[in-house]
C-alpha atoms as a PDB file:
ATOM      1  CA  MET A   1       0.520 -46.269  23.001  1.00  0.00           C
ATOM      2  CA  PRO A   2       1.011 -50.026  24.057  1.00  0.00           C
ATOM      3  CA  VAL A   3       4.542 -49.582  25.105  1.00  0.00           C
ATOM      4  CA  LEU A   4       5.939 -52.704  26.779  1.00  0.00           C
ATOM      5  CA  THR A   5       8.174 -53.297  29.897  1.00  0.00           C
ATOM      6  CA  HIS A   6       9.790 -56.375  28.435  1.00  0.00           C
ATOM      7  CA  PHE A   7      11.530 -58.072  31.427  1.00  0.00           C
ATOM      8  CA  GLN A   8      11.263 -58.136  35.158  1.00  0.00           C
ATOM      9  CA  GLY A   9      14.359 -55.991  36.009  1.00  0.00           C
ATOM     10  CA  ASP A  10      13.673 -53.272  33.206  1.00  0.00           C
ATOM     11  CA  GLY A  11      13.713 -49.865  34.375  1.00  0.00           C
ATOM     12  CA  GLY A  12      10.454 -49.128  32.926  1.00  0.00           C
ATOM     13  CA  PRO A  13       8.491 -49.527  29.590  1.00  0.00           C
ATOM     14  CA  TYR A  14      10.862 -49.035  26.473  1.00  0.00           C
ATOM     15  CA  ILE A  15      10.399 -48.270  22.948  1.00  0.00           C
ATOM     16  CA  THR A  16      12.551 -50.926  21.211  1.00  0.00           C
ATOM     17  CA  SER A  17      11.960 -50.658  17.346  1.00  0.00           C
ATOM     18  CA  ALA A  18      12.100 -46.877  16.704  1.00  0.00           C
ATOM     19  CA  ILE A  19      14.722 -45.356  14.236  1.00  0.00           C
ATOM     20  CA  VAL A  20      15.446 -41.647  15.269  1.00  0.00           C
ATOM     21  CA  ALA A  21      16.205 -39.337  12.637  1.00  0.00           C
ATOM     22  CA  ALA A  22      18.016 -35.846  13.021  1.00  0.00           C
ATOM     23  CA  ARG A  23      19.992 -33.321  11.196  1.00  0.00           C
ATOM     24  CA  GLY A  24      23.099 -31.028  11.531  1.00  0.00           C
ATOM     25  CA  LEU A  25      23.062 -27.309  12.177  1.00  0.00           C
ATOM     26  CA  ASP A  26      22.983 -26.356   8.263  1.00  0.00           C
ATOM     27  CA  GLY A  27      20.371 -29.204   7.521  1.00  0.00           C
ATOM     28  CA  LYS A  28      22.687 -30.786   5.260  1.00  0.00           C
ATOM     29  CA  ILE A  29      24.009 -33.519   7.303  1.00  0.00           C
ATOM     30  CA  GLU A  30      21.142 -36.318   8.349  1.00  0.00           C
ATOM     31  CA  ASN A  31      21.448 -39.410  10.215  1.00  0.00           C
ATOM     32  CA  VAL A  32      18.890 -42.195  10.873  1.00  0.00           C
ATOM     33  CA  SER A  33      19.623 -44.850  13.507  1.00  0.00           C
ATOM     34  CA  PHE A  34      18.112 -46.958  16.254  1.00  0.00           C
ATOM     35  CA  HIS A  35      17.990 -46.145  19.713  1.00  0.00           C
ATOM     36  CA  ARG A  36      16.207 -47.449  22.721  1.00  0.00           C
ATOM     37  CA  LEU A  37      13.758 -45.055  24.313  1.00  0.00           C
ATOM     38  CA  GLN A  38      12.694 -45.271  27.939  1.00  0.00           C
ATOM     39  CA  ILE A  39       9.460 -43.737  28.829  1.00  0.00           C
ATOM     40  CA  LEU A  40       9.564 -41.525  31.696  1.00  0.00           C
ATOM     41  CA  ASP A  41       6.311 -39.729  31.628  1.00  0.00           C
ATOM     42  CA  ASP A  42       3.668 -38.392  29.063  1.00  0.00           C
ATOM     43  CA  THR A  43       6.123 -36.107  27.408  1.00  0.00           C
ATOM     44  CA  HIS A  44       9.805 -37.163  28.051  1.00  0.00           C
ATOM     45  CA  LEU A  45      11.877 -40.042  26.843  1.00  0.00           C
ATOM     46  CA  ALA A  46      15.264 -40.969  27.920  1.00  0.00           C
ATOM     47  CA  ILE A  47      17.387 -42.111  24.836  1.00  0.00           C
ATOM     48  CA  ARG A  48      20.354 -44.238  24.712  1.00  0.00           C
ATOM     49  CA  ILE A  49      23.119 -42.747  22.878  1.00  0.00           C
ATOM     50  CA  VAL A  50      26.445 -44.236  22.051  1.00  0.00           C
ATOM     51  CA  ARG A  51      29.195 -42.332  20.794  1.00  0.00           C
ATOM     52  CA  ARG A  52      28.412 -42.473  17.246  1.00  0.00           C
ATOM     53  CA  HIS A  53      26.933 -40.002  14.658  1.00  0.00           C
ATOM     54  CA  LEU A  54      23.633 -39.056  16.579  1.00  0.00           C
ATOM     55  CA  TYR A  55      26.179 -38.328  19.713  1.00  0.00           C
ATOM     56  CA  LYS A  56      28.225 -36.152  17.194  1.00  0.00           C
ATOM     57  CA  LEU A  57      25.111 -34.161  15.730  1.00  0.00           C
ATOM     58  CA  LEU A  58      24.134 -33.806  19.471  1.00  0.00           C
ATOM     59  CA  GLN A  59      27.419 -32.285  20.494  1.00  0.00           C
ATOM     60  CA  MET A  60      27.332 -29.662  17.516  1.00  0.00           C
ATOM     61  CA  HIS A  61      24.118 -28.648  18.722  1.00  0.00           C
ATOM     62  CA  LYS A  62      25.376 -28.276  22.240  1.00  0.00           C
ATOM     63  CA  GLU A  63      28.368 -26.251  21.169  1.00  0.00           C
ATOM     64  CA  ALA A  64      25.760 -23.963  19.294  1.00  0.00           C
ATOM     65  CA  ASP A  65      23.497 -24.148  22.476  1.00  0.00           C
ATOM     66  CA  LYS A  66      20.619 -25.031  20.564  1.00  0.00           C
ATOM     67  CA  PRO A  67      18.196 -28.112  20.856  1.00  0.00           C
ATOM     68  CA  LEU A  68      18.601 -31.078  18.540  1.00  0.00           C
ATOM     69  CA  GLU A  69      15.287 -31.660  16.693  1.00  0.00           C
ATOM     70  CA  VAL A  70      14.435 -35.357  16.359  1.00  0.00           C
ATOM     71  CA  ALA A  71      11.869 -37.476  14.443  1.00  0.00           C
ATOM     72  CA  ILE A  72      11.012 -40.863  16.026  1.00  0.00           C
ATOM     73  CA  SER A  73       9.284 -43.412  13.749  1.00  0.00           C
ATOM     74  CA  LEU A  74       7.825 -46.618  14.467  1.00  0.00           C
ATOM     75  CA  GLY A  75       6.285 -49.471  12.058  1.00  0.00           C
ATOM     76  CA  LEU A  76       8.451 -49.422   9.128  1.00  0.00           C
ATOM     77  CA  HIS A  77       9.356 -51.340   6.069  1.00  0.00           C
ATOM     78  CA  PRO A  78      12.282 -53.658   6.647  1.00  0.00           C
ATOM     79  CA  ALA A  79      14.475 -52.048   3.994  1.00  0.00           C
ATOM     80  CA  ILE A  80      14.344 -48.819   6.192  1.00  0.00           C
ATOM     81  CA  MET A  81      14.889 -50.664   9.538  1.00  0.00           C
ATOM     82  CA  LEU A  82      17.895 -52.574   7.827  1.00  0.00           C
ATOM     83  CA  ALA A  83      19.316 -49.224   6.479  1.00  0.00           C
ATOM     84  CA  ALA A  84      18.954 -47.368   9.950  1.00  0.00           C
ATOM     85  CA  ALA A  85      20.865 -50.287  11.298  1.00  0.00           C
ATOM     86  CA  SER A  86      24.023 -50.141   9.110  1.00  0.00           C
ATOM     87  CA  SER A  87      26.951 -48.001  10.157  1.00  0.00           C
ATOM     88  CA  LEU A  88      27.430 -45.744   7.469  1.00  0.00           C
ATOM     89  CA  PRO A  89      30.092 -43.074   7.189  1.00  0.00           C
ATOM     90  CA  PHE A  90      29.152 -39.867   8.872  1.00  0.00           C
ATOM     91  CA  GLY A  91      27.100 -37.512   6.587  1.00  0.00           C
ATOM     92  CA  VAL A  92      25.547 -40.520   4.496  1.00  0.00           C
ATOM     93  CA  SER A  93      21.682 -40.490   4.989  1.00  0.00           C
ATOM     94  CA  GLU A  94      20.479 -43.919   5.956  1.00  0.00           C
ATOM     95  CA  TYR A  95      17.401 -42.574   4.238  1.00  0.00           C
ATOM     96  CA  GLY A  96      19.137 -42.740   0.846  1.00  0.00           C
ATOM     97  CA  VAL A  97      20.295 -46.602   1.498  1.00  0.00           C
ATOM     98  CA  ALA A  98      16.701 -47.286   2.168  1.00  0.00           C
ATOM     99  CA  ASN A  99      15.429 -45.283  -0.956  1.00  0.00           C
ATOM    100  CA  THR A 100      17.881 -47.745  -2.852  1.00  0.00           C
ATOM    101  CA  LEU A 101      17.058 -50.887  -1.164  1.00  0.00           C
ATOM    102  CA  LEU A 102      13.508 -49.942  -2.070  1.00  0.00           C
ATOM    103  CA  GLY A 103      14.196 -49.302  -5.876  1.00  0.00           C
ATOM    104  CA  GLY A 104      13.646 -45.498  -5.359  1.00  0.00           C
ATOM    105  CA  ASP A 105      10.360 -45.739  -4.007  1.00  0.00           C
ATOM    106  CA  LEU A 106      11.021 -44.383  -0.421  1.00  0.00           C
ATOM    107  CA  VAL A 107       8.832 -41.385   0.233  1.00  0.00           C
ATOM    108  CA  LEU A 108       9.320 -38.920   2.983  1.00  0.00           C
ATOM    109  CA  THR A 109       6.750 -36.844   4.830  1.00  0.00           C
ATOM    110  CA  LYS A 110       7.354 -33.356   6.567  1.00  0.00           C
ATOM    111  CA  CYS A 111       6.919 -33.216  10.284  1.00  0.00           C
ATOM    112  CA  GLU A 112       5.044 -30.498  11.917  1.00  0.00           C
ATOM    113  CA  ASP A 113       6.964 -29.306  14.588  1.00  0.00           C
ATOM    114  CA  VAL A 114      10.527 -30.456  13.515  1.00  0.00           C
ATOM    115  CA  SER A 115      12.421 -29.964  10.407  1.00  0.00           C
ATOM    116  CA  VAL A 116      13.316 -33.749   9.908  1.00  0.00           C
ATOM    117  CA  PRO A 117      11.514 -35.992   7.510  1.00  0.00           C
ATOM    118  CA  VAL A 118       9.693 -39.473   8.389  1.00  0.00           C
ATOM    119  CA  PRO A 119       8.868 -42.476   6.102  1.00  0.00           C
ATOM    120  CA  SER A 120       5.345 -41.695   4.907  1.00  0.00           C
ATOM    121  CA  ASP A 121       4.076 -45.169   5.669  1.00  0.00           C
ATOM    122  CA  SER A 122       5.068 -45.215   9.402  1.00  0.00           C
ATOM    123  CA  GLU A 123       2.436 -46.457  11.683  1.00  0.00           C
ATOM    124  CA  LEU A 124       3.333 -43.850  14.407  1.00  0.00           C
ATOM    125  CA  VAL A 125       5.916 -40.636  14.798  1.00  0.00           C
ATOM    126  CA  LEU A 126       6.893 -38.890  17.967  1.00  0.00           C
ATOM    127  CA  GLU A 127       8.397 -35.319  17.038  1.00  0.00           C
ATOM    128  CA  GLY A 128      10.579 -34.003  19.810  1.00  0.00           C
ATOM    129  CA  LYS A 129      13.832 -32.075  21.126  1.00  0.00           C
ATOM    130  CA  ILE A 130      16.943 -33.101  22.925  1.00  0.00           C
ATOM    131  CA  HIS A 131      17.972 -30.400  25.019  1.00  0.00           C
ATOM    132  CA  PRO A 132      22.054 -31.161  25.165  1.00  0.00           C
ATOM    133  CA  ASN A 133      22.136 -30.531  29.085  1.00  0.00           C
ATOM    134  CA  ASP A 134      19.145 -32.208  30.111  1.00  0.00           C
ATOM    135  CA  GLU A 135      20.017 -35.859  31.209  1.00  0.00           C
ATOM    136  CA  THR A 136      18.550 -38.666  33.674  1.00  0.00           C
ATOM    137  CA  ASP A 137      19.253 -42.306  34.633  1.00  0.00           C
ATOM    138  CA  GLU A 138      18.366 -44.684  31.839  1.00  0.00           C
ATOM    139  CA  GLY A 139      18.084 -48.380  32.497  1.00  0.00           C
ATOM    140  CA  PRO A 140      18.701 -51.056  33.615  1.00  0.00           C
ATOM    141  CA  PHE A 141      17.628 -52.598  30.247  1.00  0.00           C
ATOM    142  CA  VAL A 142      18.173 -56.032  28.535  1.00  0.00           C
ATOM    143  CA  ASP A 143      20.308 -55.756  25.293  1.00  0.00           C
ATOM    144  CA  ALA A 144      21.647 -57.997  22.638  1.00  0.00           C
ATOM    145  CA  THR A 145      23.775 -60.120  25.057  1.00  0.00           C
ATOM    146  CA  GLY A 146      20.406 -60.937  27.126  1.00  0.00           C
ATOM    147  CA  THR A 147      21.917 -59.539  30.273  1.00  0.00           C
ATOM    148  CA  TYR A 148      21.106 -56.271  31.923  1.00  0.00           C
ATOM    149  CA  ASP A 149      23.063 -53.100  30.643  1.00  0.00           C
ATOM    150  CA  ILE A 150      24.122 -50.834  33.266  1.00  0.00           C
ATOM    151  CA  VAL A 151      22.332 -47.585  34.236  1.00  0.00           C
ATOM    152  CA  ARG A 152      23.939 -44.396  32.841  1.00  0.00           C
ATOM    153  CA  LYS A 153      23.211 -40.641  32.599  1.00  0.00           C
ATOM    154  CA  GLN A 154      21.499 -40.326  29.192  1.00  0.00           C
ATOM    155  CA  PRO A 155      19.762 -37.510  27.229  1.00  0.00           C
ATOM    156  CA  VAL A 156      16.194 -36.641  27.558  1.00  0.00           C
ATOM    157  CA  VAL A 157      13.734 -36.165  24.468  1.00  0.00           C
ATOM    158  CA  GLU A 158      10.942 -33.921  24.816  1.00  0.00           C
ATOM    159  CA  VAL A 159       8.061 -34.962  23.132  1.00  0.00           C
ATOM    160  CA  THR A 160       6.122 -32.115  21.177  1.00  0.00           C
ATOM    161  CA  ARG A 161       3.830 -33.903  19.011  1.00  0.00           C
ATOM    162  CA  ILE A 162       2.698 -37.424  18.209  1.00  0.00           C
ATOM    163  CA  MET A 163       1.246 -38.370  14.804  1.00  0.00           C
ATOM    164  CA  HIS A 164      -0.026 -41.937  13.939  1.00  0.00           C
ATOM    165  CA  ARG A 165      -2.180 -43.771  11.368  1.00  0.00           C
ATOM    166  CA  ASN A 166      -5.942 -44.439  12.359  1.00  0.00           C
ATOM    167  CA  GLU A 167      -5.851 -47.703  14.087  1.00  0.00           C
ATOM    168  CA  PHE A 168      -1.974 -47.910  13.946  1.00  0.00           C
ATOM    169  CA  ILE A 169      -0.168 -51.019  14.844  1.00  0.00           C
ATOM    170  CA  TYR A 170       2.407 -50.679  17.439  1.00  0.00           C
ATOM    171  CA  GLN A 171       5.675 -52.578  16.470  1.00  0.00           C
ATOM    172  CA  ALA A 172       7.978 -53.757  19.165  1.00  0.00           C
ATOM    173  CA  LEU A 173      11.344 -55.728  19.112  1.00  0.00           C
ATOM    174  CA  LEU A 174      12.113 -58.276  21.906  1.00  0.00           C
ATOM    175  CA  PRO A 175      15.418 -57.476  23.233  1.00  0.00           C
ATOM    176  CA  GLY A 176      18.233 -59.890  23.166  1.00  0.00           C
ATOM    177  CA  MET A 177      15.975 -62.196  20.490  1.00  0.00           C
ATOM    178  CA  SER A 178      16.548 -63.253  16.944  1.00  0.00           C
ATOM    179  CA  GLU A 179      15.337 -59.939  15.189  1.00  0.00           C
ATOM    180  CA  HIS A 180      17.311 -57.748  17.444  1.00  0.00           C
ATOM    181  CA  HIS A 181      20.175 -60.029  16.744  1.00  0.00           C
ATOM    182  CA  LEU A 182      19.470 -59.978  13.054  1.00  0.00           C
ATOM    183  CA  LEU A 183      19.243 -56.049  12.680  1.00  0.00           C
ATOM    184  CA  MET A 184      22.377 -55.566  14.708  1.00  0.00           C
ATOM    185  CA  GLY A 185      24.390 -58.310  12.902  1.00  0.00           C
ATOM    186  CA  LEU A 186      23.649 -58.553   9.435  1.00  0.00           C
ATOM    187  CA  PRO A 187      24.989 -55.142   8.357  1.00  0.00           C
ATOM    188  CA  LEU A 188      28.125 -55.575  10.393  1.00  0.00           C
ATOM    189  CA  GLU A 189      28.769 -58.746   8.479  1.00  0.00           C
ATOM    190  CA  ALA A 190      28.923 -57.032   5.143  1.00  0.00           C
ATOM    191  CA  GLN A 191      31.113 -54.406   6.826  1.00  0.00           C
ATOM    192  CA  ILE A 192      33.539 -57.123   8.173  1.00  0.00           C
ATOM    193  CA  TRP A 193      33.561 -58.899   4.913  1.00  0.00           C
ATOM    194  CA  GLU A 194      34.595 -55.490   2.944  1.00  0.00           C
ATOM    195  CA  SER A 195      37.325 -54.919   5.756  1.00  0.00           C
ATOM    196  CA  VAL A 196      38.913 -58.262   5.455  1.00  0.00           C
ATOM    197  CA  SER A 197      38.554 -58.379   1.637  1.00  0.00           C
ATOM    198  CA  SER A 198      40.794 -55.058   1.594  1.00  0.00           C
ATOM    199  CA  THR A 199      43.578 -57.326   3.347  1.00  0.00           C
ATOM    200  CA  VAL A 200      43.236 -60.868   2.167  1.00  0.00           C
ATOM    201  CA  PRO A 201      42.358 -61.544  -1.589  1.00  0.00           C
ATOM    202  CA  TYR A 202      39.481 -64.148  -1.232  1.00  0.00           C
ATOM    203  CA  VAL A 203      36.789 -64.085   1.715  1.00  0.00           C
ATOM    204  CA  ARG A 204      34.064 -66.643   1.396  1.00  0.00           C
ATOM    205  CA  GLY A 205      31.867 -66.108   4.317  1.00  0.00           C
ATOM    206  CA  VAL A 206      31.348 -64.084   7.637  1.00  0.00           C
ATOM    207  CA  ASN A 207      29.128 -65.076  10.541  1.00  0.00           C
ATOM    208  CA  LEU A 208      28.388 -62.961  13.363  1.00  0.00           C
ATOM    209  CA  THR A 209      27.430 -65.979  15.527  1.00  0.00           C
ATOM    210  CA  LEU A 210      24.133 -66.435  17.316  1.00  0.00           C
ATOM    211  CA  GLY A 211      26.046 -67.549  20.358  1.00  0.00           C
ATOM    212  CA  GLY A 212      27.850 -64.410  20.393  1.00  0.00           C
ATOM    213  CA  CYS A 213      24.780 -62.262  20.119  1.00  0.00           C
ATOM    214  CA  SER A 214      25.298 -61.778  16.412  1.00  0.00           C
ATOM    215  CA  TRP A 215      27.780 -58.871  17.805  1.00  0.00           C
ATOM    216  CA  LEU A 216      30.704 -60.314  20.051  1.00  0.00           C
ATOM    217  CA  HIS A 217      32.071 -63.300  18.060  1.00  0.00           C
ATOM    218  CA  ALA A 218      32.620 -63.591  14.270  1.00  0.00           C
ATOM    219  CA  VAL A 219      33.806 -66.430  12.155  1.00  0.00           C
ATOM    220  CA  ILE A 220      35.574 -65.782   8.843  1.00  0.00           C
ATOM    221  CA  SER A 221      36.082 -68.050   6.275  1.00  0.00           C
ATOM    222  CA  LEU A 222      38.950 -67.341   3.454  1.00  0.00           C
ATOM    223  CA  GLU A 223      40.989 -68.780   0.808  1.00  0.00           C
ATOM    224  CA  LYS A 224      44.242 -68.763   2.520  1.00  0.00           C
ATOM    225  CA  GLN A 225      47.139 -67.492   0.005  1.00  0.00           C
ATOM    226  CA  SER A 226      50.086 -66.659   2.466  1.00  0.00           C
ATOM    227  CA  GLU A 227      51.138 -67.206   6.014  1.00  0.00           C
ATOM    228  CA  GLY A 228      49.989 -64.453   7.932  1.00  0.00           C
ATOM    229  CA  ASP A 229      46.625 -63.905   6.021  1.00  0.00           C
ATOM    230  CA  GLY A 230      44.644 -65.570   8.973  1.00  0.00           C
ATOM    231  CA  LYS A 231      45.943 -63.093  11.274  1.00  0.00           C
ATOM    232  CA  ASN A 232      45.813 -60.108   8.963  1.00  0.00           C
ATOM    233  CA  ALA A 233      42.117 -60.977   8.624  1.00  0.00           C
ATOM    234  CA  ILE A 234      41.490 -61.046  12.701  1.00  0.00           C
ATOM    235  CA  LEU A 235      43.043 -57.699  12.686  1.00  0.00           C
ATOM    236  CA  ALA A 236      40.915 -56.180   9.905  1.00  0.00           C
ATOM    237  CA  ALA A 237      37.694 -57.541  11.658  1.00  0.00           C
ATOM    238  CA  PHE A 238      38.625 -55.852  14.714  1.00  0.00           C
ATOM    239  CA  THR A 239      39.068 -52.792  12.884  1.00  0.00           C
ATOM    240  CA  ALA A 240      35.614 -52.953  10.883  1.00  0.00           C
ATOM    241  CA  HIS A 241      33.658 -53.840  13.978  1.00  0.00           C
ATOM    242  CA  LYS A 242      34.871 -52.139  17.267  1.00  0.00           C
ATOM    243  CA  SER A 243      32.581 -54.280  19.480  1.00  0.00           C
ATOM    244  CA  LEU A 244      33.799 -57.497  18.197  1.00  0.00           C
ATOM    245  CA  LYS A 245      35.386 -59.538  20.993  1.00  0.00           C
ATOM    246  CA  HIS A 246      36.448 -62.849  19.448  1.00  0.00           C
ATOM    247  CA  VAL A 247      37.141 -63.831  15.792  1.00  0.00           C
ATOM    248  CA  VAL A 248      37.813 -67.340  14.371  1.00  0.00           C
ATOM    249  CA  VAL A 249      39.235 -67.575  11.086  1.00  0.00           C
ATOM    250  CA  VAL A 250      38.977 -70.789   8.875  1.00  0.00           C
ATOM    251  CA  ASP A 251      39.823 -72.080   5.512  1.00  0.00           C
ATOM    252  CA  SER A 252      37.198 -72.026   2.424  1.00  0.00           C
ATOM    253  CA  ASP A 253      36.300 -75.619   3.049  1.00  0.00           C
ATOM    254  CA  ILE A 254      34.783 -74.785   6.396  1.00  0.00           C
ATOM    255  CA  ASP A 255      31.485 -73.370   6.563  1.00  0.00           C
ATOM    256  CA  PRO A 256      31.475 -70.585   8.939  1.00  0.00           C
ATOM    257  CA  GLN A 257      27.733 -70.990   9.663  1.00  0.00           C
ATOM    258  CA  ASN A 258      28.259 -74.598  10.827  1.00  0.00           C
ATOM    259  CA  LEU A 259      29.853 -74.193  14.392  1.00  0.00           C
ATOM    260  CA  LYS A 260      30.641 -78.013  14.411  1.00  0.00           C
ATOM    261  CA  GLU A 261      32.803 -77.600  11.483  1.00  0.00           C
ATOM    262  CA  VAL A 262      34.507 -74.338  12.990  1.00  0.00           C
ATOM    263  CA  GLU A 263      35.164 -76.319  16.182  1.00  0.00           C
ATOM    264  CA  TRP A 264      36.855 -79.021  14.022  1.00  0.00           C
ATOM    265  CA  ALA A 265      39.183 -76.776  12.331  1.00  0.00           C
ATOM    266  CA  ILE A 266      40.290 -75.161  15.713  1.00  0.00           C
ATOM    267  CA  ALA A 267      40.862 -78.748  16.990  1.00  0.00           C
ATOM    268  CA  THR A 268      42.890 -79.869  13.862  1.00  0.00           C
ATOM    269  CA  ARG A 269      44.305 -76.752  12.418  1.00  0.00           C
ATOM    270  CA  PHE A 270      45.088 -74.263  15.373  1.00  0.00           C
ATOM    271  CA  GLN A 271      48.319 -74.097  17.776  1.00  0.00           C
ATOM    272  CA  ALA A 272      47.759 -72.001  20.579  1.00  0.00           C
ATOM    273  CA  ASP A 273      51.485 -70.879  20.760  1.00  0.00           C
ATOM    274  CA  LYS A 274      51.532 -69.951  17.014  1.00  0.00           C
ATOM    275  CA  ASP A 275      48.222 -68.948  16.077  1.00  0.00           C
ATOM    276  CA  LEU A 276      46.547 -66.912  18.880  1.00  0.00           C
ATOM    277  CA  VAL A 277      46.173 -63.328  18.717  1.00  0.00           C
ATOM    278  CA  LEU A 278      45.789 -61.231  21.937  1.00  0.00           C
ATOM    279  CA  VAL A 279      44.803 -57.702  22.030  1.00  0.00           C
ATOM    280  CA  PRO A 280      44.339 -56.434  26.070  1.00  0.00           C
ATOM    281  CA  ASN A 281      42.886 -53.286  26.791  1.00  0.00           C
ATOM    282  CA  ALA A 282      41.057 -52.577  23.318  1.00  0.00           C
ATOM    283  CA  ARG A 283      37.918 -50.519  22.737  1.00  0.00           C
ATOM    284  CA  GLY A 284      34.938 -53.243  23.053  1.00  0.00           C
ATOM    285  CA  SER A 285      31.299 -53.473  23.451  1.00  0.00           C
ATOM    286  CA  SER A 286      29.739 -51.406  26.470  1.00  0.00           C
ATOM    287  CA  LEU A 287      27.257 -54.527  26.318  1.00  0.00           C
ATOM    288  CA  ASP A 288      29.826 -57.039  27.517  1.00  0.00           C
ATOM    289  CA  PRO A 289      29.312 -57.520  31.220  1.00  0.00           C
ATOM    290  CA  SER A 290      32.851 -59.190  31.641  1.00  0.00           C
ATOM    291  CA  GLY A 291      34.503 -56.140  30.370  1.00  0.00           C
ATOM    292  CA  ASP A 292      34.784 -52.544  31.625  1.00  0.00           C
ATOM    293  CA  GLN A 293      31.217 -51.260  30.814  1.00  0.00           C
ATOM    294  CA  ASN A 294      31.802 -47.735  31.884  1.00  0.00           C
ATOM    295  CA  LEU A 295      35.136 -47.446  29.851  1.00  0.00           C
ATOM    296  CA  GLY A 296      34.079 -49.794  27.111  1.00  0.00           C
ATOM    297  CA  LEU A 297      37.413 -51.815  27.324  1.00  0.00           C
ATOM    298  CA  THR A 298      37.973 -55.474  26.793  1.00  0.00           C
ATOM    299  CA  THR A 299      40.559 -57.945  25.923  1.00  0.00           C
ATOM    300  CA  LYS A 300      40.033 -59.356  22.380  1.00  0.00           C
ATOM    301  CA  LEU A 301      41.157 -62.848  21.155  1.00  0.00           C
ATOM    302  CA  GLY A 302      41.787 -64.100  17.568  1.00  0.00           C
ATOM    303  CA  ILE A 303      41.957 -67.684  16.277  1.00  0.00           C
ATOM    304  CA  ASP A 304      43.669 -68.473  13.307  1.00  0.00           C
ATOM    305  CA  ALA A 305      42.396 -71.957  12.513  1.00  0.00           C
ATOM    306  CA  THR A 306      43.643 -72.000   8.787  1.00  0.00           C
ATOM    307  CA  ARG A 307      45.891 -74.807   7.759  1.00  0.00           C
ATOM    308  CA  THR A 308      49.633 -74.214   7.790  1.00  0.00           C
ATOM    309  CA  LEU A 309      50.961 -73.709   4.113  1.00  0.00           C
ATOM    310  CA  SER A 310      54.409 -75.566   4.971  1.00  0.00           C
ATOM    311  CA  ARG A 311      52.741 -78.968   5.075  1.00  0.00           C
ATOM    312  CA  PRO A 312      50.672 -80.786   2.455  1.00  0.00           C
ATOM    313  CA  LYS A 313      47.121 -79.877   2.099  1.00  0.00           C
ATOM    314  CA  GLU A 314      46.331 -83.422   2.546  1.00  0.00           C
ATOM    315  CA  SER A 315      47.229 -83.346   6.085  1.00  0.00           C
ATOM    316  CA  PHE A 316      44.444 -81.205   6.894  1.00  0.00           C
ATOM    317  CA  ILE A 317      41.349 -82.798   4.696  1.00  0.00           C
ATOM    318  CA  LYS A 318      38.848 -85.110   6.122  1.00  0.00           C
ATOM    319  CA  ALA A 319      38.949 -88.415   4.557  1.00  0.00           C
ATOM    320  CA  ARG A 320      36.384 -89.499   2.123  1.00  0.00           C
ATOM    321  CA  PHE A 321      34.881 -92.631   0.972  1.00  0.00           C
ATOM    322  CA  THR A 322      35.442 -93.639  -2.525  1.00  0.00           C
ATOM    323  CA  GLU A 323      32.984 -92.614  -5.077  1.00  0.00           C
ATOM    324  CA  LEU A 324      31.630 -96.095  -5.439  1.00  0.00           C
ATOM    325  CA  HIS A 325      30.903 -96.134  -1.661  1.00  0.00           C
ATOM    326  CA  GLU A 326      29.136 -92.804  -1.673  1.00  0.00           C
ATOM    327  CA  LYS A 327      27.107 -93.971  -4.588  1.00  0.00           C
ATOM    328  CA  ARG A 328      26.162 -97.171  -2.967  1.00  0.00           C
ATOM    329  CA  ALA A 329      25.386 -95.101   0.536  1.00  0.00           C
ATOM    330  CA  LYS A 330      22.942 -92.917  -1.572  1.00  0.00           C
ATOM    331  CA  GLU A 331      21.138 -95.860  -3.127  1.00  0.00           C
ATOM    332  CA  ILE A 332      20.798 -97.413   0.241  1.00  0.00           C
ATOM    333  CA  LEU A 333      19.516 -94.152   1.953  1.00  0.00           C
ATOM    334  CA  LYS A 334      16.932 -93.963  -1.318  1.00  0.00           C
ATOM    335  CA  GLU A 335      15.778 -97.640  -0.347  1.00  0.00           C
END
């Protein structure tokens, strides 16, 4: 397998585009999620597991004193990857979401050594077991921020079998770059939209910005109905995405994808003594080198850059040329 060492300071070769599938003790609960995998030797991988669903399954097996069987798949349809990158409720199978995205055409295949299925069109599959008490140093590794994540004790996967297509294509995802950001950020934008929509009536757009690694910074555009909507939207966004660090809320006339417009809204509609939301010592992202990476604590900041409703709307709208001037300007451009 042509596993890459992506950056000079990486702890070793890393598999970066793999999804890991596992099941609960009764076989009814299924989880499929992305995890980076560091090559230790010919039959062992260090796996980074944050405290979410795979971690929960591992703890259940640890209490039962049983290894957790896993199936690691690479070279997949984008719909499967997008589903695996989504934060679904515990017990909802990401394969089910992928099947919906594929119009019911997802086909799964049984593994040889483990009782966990894999997509039948995978290029490469690693079967293995995680022994709950077996840990090793994992890292350093460049993650979404483009900086090195810290070294931690992480579980070890014992690989028992490898299956692959003839002349298989090995897929690698370049850490900290656009594909990495897309898979991390896109599903969370929908989740933030849903959470904020349950708090304020009209959400017009959500952007996890590239400058914020598509993970730490969000811009939310909404149709403000009442004073306080902006602050409620900020808190709802923090609730939806625990790793979110900074949130800017703007009015619906501001394009959240256009950061020049967002900055203009901050400059003309934001007052720090009234519109700033500060949440110290909150749970954040362990990837943020400025925070407490061991405890995962950070200070969160919200900026309500929506116009106040106590003043005329016209006070906050950019001046426009008359229709005659706009028409003539377009004619000149055509000429």
